[in-house]
Amino acid sequence: EQMQGISQVSVAVSQMDGVTQNNSALVEESSAASQSLSEQAQTLRLAVETFKV
């Protein structure tokens, strides 16, 4: 019974590790997308500044 419990904990820890790695990859992708969006917003701001209302 104890061995079965240890096995279940091991499986759960492995699954959590996989989820953590996946989350890390998603955070990196989100960061890159955010940086790209920020750069595009800056480019747009500079383009719009040339117009006077």
N, C-alpha and C. Protein backbone atom coordinates (compact mmCIF):
# COMPACT_ATOMS: atom_id res chain seq x y z
N GLU A 1 0.83 -1.19 0.00
CA GLU A 1 0.00 0.00 0.00
C GLU A 1 0.87 1.26 0.00
N GLN A 2 1.92 1.23 0.80
CA GLN A 2 2.82 2.38 0.85
C GLN A 2 3.52 2.58 -0.50
N MET A 3 3.90 1.47 -1.13
CA MET A 3 4.56 1.55 -2.43
C MET A 3 3.62 2.15 -3.47
N GLN A 4 2.35 1.78 -3.41
CA GLN A 4 1.36 2.32 -4.34
C GLN A 4 1.21 3.82 -4.13
N GLY A 5 1.19 4.25 -2.87
CA GLY A 5 1.10 5.68 -2.57
C GLY A 5 2.30 6.44 -3.09
N ILE A 6 3.48 5.87 -2.92
CA ILE A 6 4.70 6.51 -3.42
C ILE A 6 4.66 6.61 -4.94
N SER A 7 4.17 5.58 -5.58
CA SER A 7 4.06 5.58 -7.04
C SER A 7 3.10 6.66 -7.51
N GLN A 8 1.98 6.81 -6.82
CA GLN A 8 1.00 7.83 -7.18
C GLN A 8 1.58 9.23 -6.99
N VAL A 9 2.32 9.42 -5.91
CA VAL A 9 2.96 10.72 -5.68
C VAL A 9 3.98 11.00 -6.79
N SER A 10 4.73 9.99 -7.18
CA SER A 10 5.72 10.15 -8.24
C SER A 10 5.06 10.55 -9.55
N VAL A 11 3.95 9.90 -9.87
CA VAL A 11 3.21 10.24 -11.10
C VAL A 11 2.70 11.67 -11.02
N ALA A 12 2.16 12.05 -9.87
CA ALA A 12 1.62 13.40 -9.70
C ALA A 12 2.73 14.45 -9.84
N VAL A 13 3.89 14.18 -9.25
CA VAL A 13 5.01 15.12 -9.35
C VAL A 13 5.48 15.23 -10.80
N SER A 14 5.51 14.13 -11.51
CA SER A 14 5.91 14.15 -12.92
C SER A 14 4.92 14.97 -13.75
N GLN A 15 3.64 14.81 -13.46
CA GLN A 15 2.62 15.58 -14.17
C GLN A 15 2.76 17.07 -13.86
N MET A 16 3.00 17.38 -12.60
CA MET A 16 3.18 18.78 -12.21
C MET A 16 4.41 19.38 -12.90
N ASP A 17 5.46 18.59 -13.04
CA ASP A 17 6.66 19.06 -13.73
C ASP A 17 6.34 19.38 -15.19
N GLY A 18 5.57 18.51 -15.83
CA GLY A 18 5.18 18.75 -17.21
C GLY A 18 4.35 20.01 -17.36
N VAL A 19 3.42 20.21 -16.45
CA VAL A 19 2.57 21.40 -16.49
C VAL A 19 3.42 22.65 -16.25
N THR A 20 4.35 22.56 -15.31
CA THR A 20 5.22 23.70 -15.02
C THR A 20 6.07 24.07 -16.23
N GLN A 21 6.62 23.07 -16.90
CA GLN A 21 7.42 23.34 -18.09
C GLN A 21 6.57 23.96 -19.19
N ASN A 22 5.35 23.46 -19.35
CA ASN A 22 4.44 24.01 -20.35
C ASN A 22 4.09 25.46 -20.02
N ASN A 23 3.82 25.72 -18.74
CA ASN A 23 3.50 27.08 -18.32
C ASN A 23 4.68 28.01 -18.56
N SER A 24 5.88 27.52 -18.31
CA SER A 24 7.08 28.32 -18.54
C SER A 24 7.20 28.70 -20.01
N ALA A 25 6.93 27.75 -20.88
CA ALA A 25 6.99 28.03 -22.32
C ALA A 25 5.93 29.05 -22.72
N LEU A 26 4.74 28.93 -22.14
CA LEU A 26 3.68 29.88 -22.45
C LEU A 26 4.02 31.28 -21.95
N VAL A 27 4.65 31.37 -20.80
CA VAL A 27 5.07 32.67 -20.27
C VAL A 27 6.10 33.30 -21.20
N GLU A 28 7.03 32.51 -21.68
CA GLU A 28 8.03 33.04 -22.62
C GLU A 28 7.37 33.53 -23.90
N GLU A 29 6.42 32.78 -24.42
CA GLU A 29 5.70 33.19 -25.63
C GLU A 29 4.92 34.47 -25.38
N SER A 30 4.27 34.55 -24.24
CA SER A 30 3.50 35.75 -23.89
C SER A 30 4.41 36.96 -23.76
N SER A 31 5.56 36.76 -23.17
CA SER A 31 6.52 37.86 -23.02
C SER A 31 7.00 38.35 -24.38
N ALA A 32 7.30 37.43 -25.27
CA ALA A 32 7.74 37.80 -26.62
C ALA A 32 6.64 38.53 -27.37
N ALA A 33 5.40 38.05 -27.24
CA ALA A 33 4.27 38.71 -27.90
C ALA A 33 4.06 40.10 -27.33
N SER A 34 4.19 40.24 -26.03
CA SER A 34 4.04 41.54 -25.38
C SER A 34 5.10 42.52 -25.86
N GLN A 35 6.33 42.05 -25.96
CA GLN A 35 7.42 42.90 -26.45
C GLN A 35 7.15 43.33 -27.88
N SER A 36 6.71 42.40 -28.71
CA SER A 36 6.40 42.72 -30.11
C SER A 36 5.28 43.74 -30.20
N LEU A 37 4.25 43.55 -29.40
CA LEU A 37 3.12 44.48 -29.40
C LEU A 37 3.56 45.87 -28.94
N SER A 38 4.42 45.92 -27.95
CA SER A 38 4.94 47.20 -27.47
C SER A 38 5.72 47.91 -28.56
N GLU A 39 6.54 47.17 -29.28
CA GLU A 39 7.32 47.76 -30.38
C GLU A 39 6.40 48.26 -31.49
N GLN A 40 5.36 47.49 -31.80
CA GLN A 40 4.41 47.91 -32.83
C GLN A 40 3.65 49.16 -32.39
N ALA A 41 3.29 49.23 -31.12
CA ALA A 41 2.59 50.41 -30.60
C ALA A 41 3.49 51.64 -30.69
N GLN A 42 4.76 51.47 -30.39
CA GLN A 42 5.71 52.57 -30.49
C GLN A 42 5.82 53.05 -31.94
N THR A 43 5.91 52.11 -32.87
CA THR A 43 5.99 52.46 -34.29
C THR A 43 4.73 53.20 -34.73
N LEU A 44 3.58 52.72 -34.30
CA LEU A 44 2.32 53.38 -34.64
C LEU A 44 2.25 54.77 -34.04
N ARG A 45 2.70 54.91 -32.79
CA ARG A 45 2.68 56.23 -32.14
C ARG A 45 3.54 57.21 -32.92
N LEU A 46 4.71 56.77 -33.34
CA LEU A 46 5.59 57.65 -34.11
C LEU A 46 4.97 58.03 -35.45
N ALA A 47 4.27 57.09 -36.08
CA ALA A 47 3.63 57.38 -37.36
C ALA A 47 2.48 58.36 -37.18
N VAL A 48 1.71 58.20 -36.12
CA VAL A 48 0.55 59.07 -35.89
C VAL A 48 0.99 60.47 -35.46
N GLU A 49 2.13 60.58 -34.82
CA GLU A 49 2.63 61.89 -34.37
C GLU A 49 2.83 62.85 -35.53
N THR A 50 3.03 62.33 -36.71
CA THR A 50 3.28 63.22 -37.85
C THR A 50 2.02 63.96 -38.29
N PHE A 51 0.86 63.45 -37.89
CA PHE A 51 -0.40 64.10 -38.25
C PHE A 51 -0.79 65.11 -37.18
N LYS A 52 -1.25 66.26 -37.61
CA LYS A 52 -1.72 67.27 -36.67
C LYS A 52 -3.21 67.43 -36.86
N VAL A 53 -3.91 67.50 -35.74
CA VAL A 53 -5.37 67.62 -35.80
C VAL A 53 -5.76 69.06 -35.58
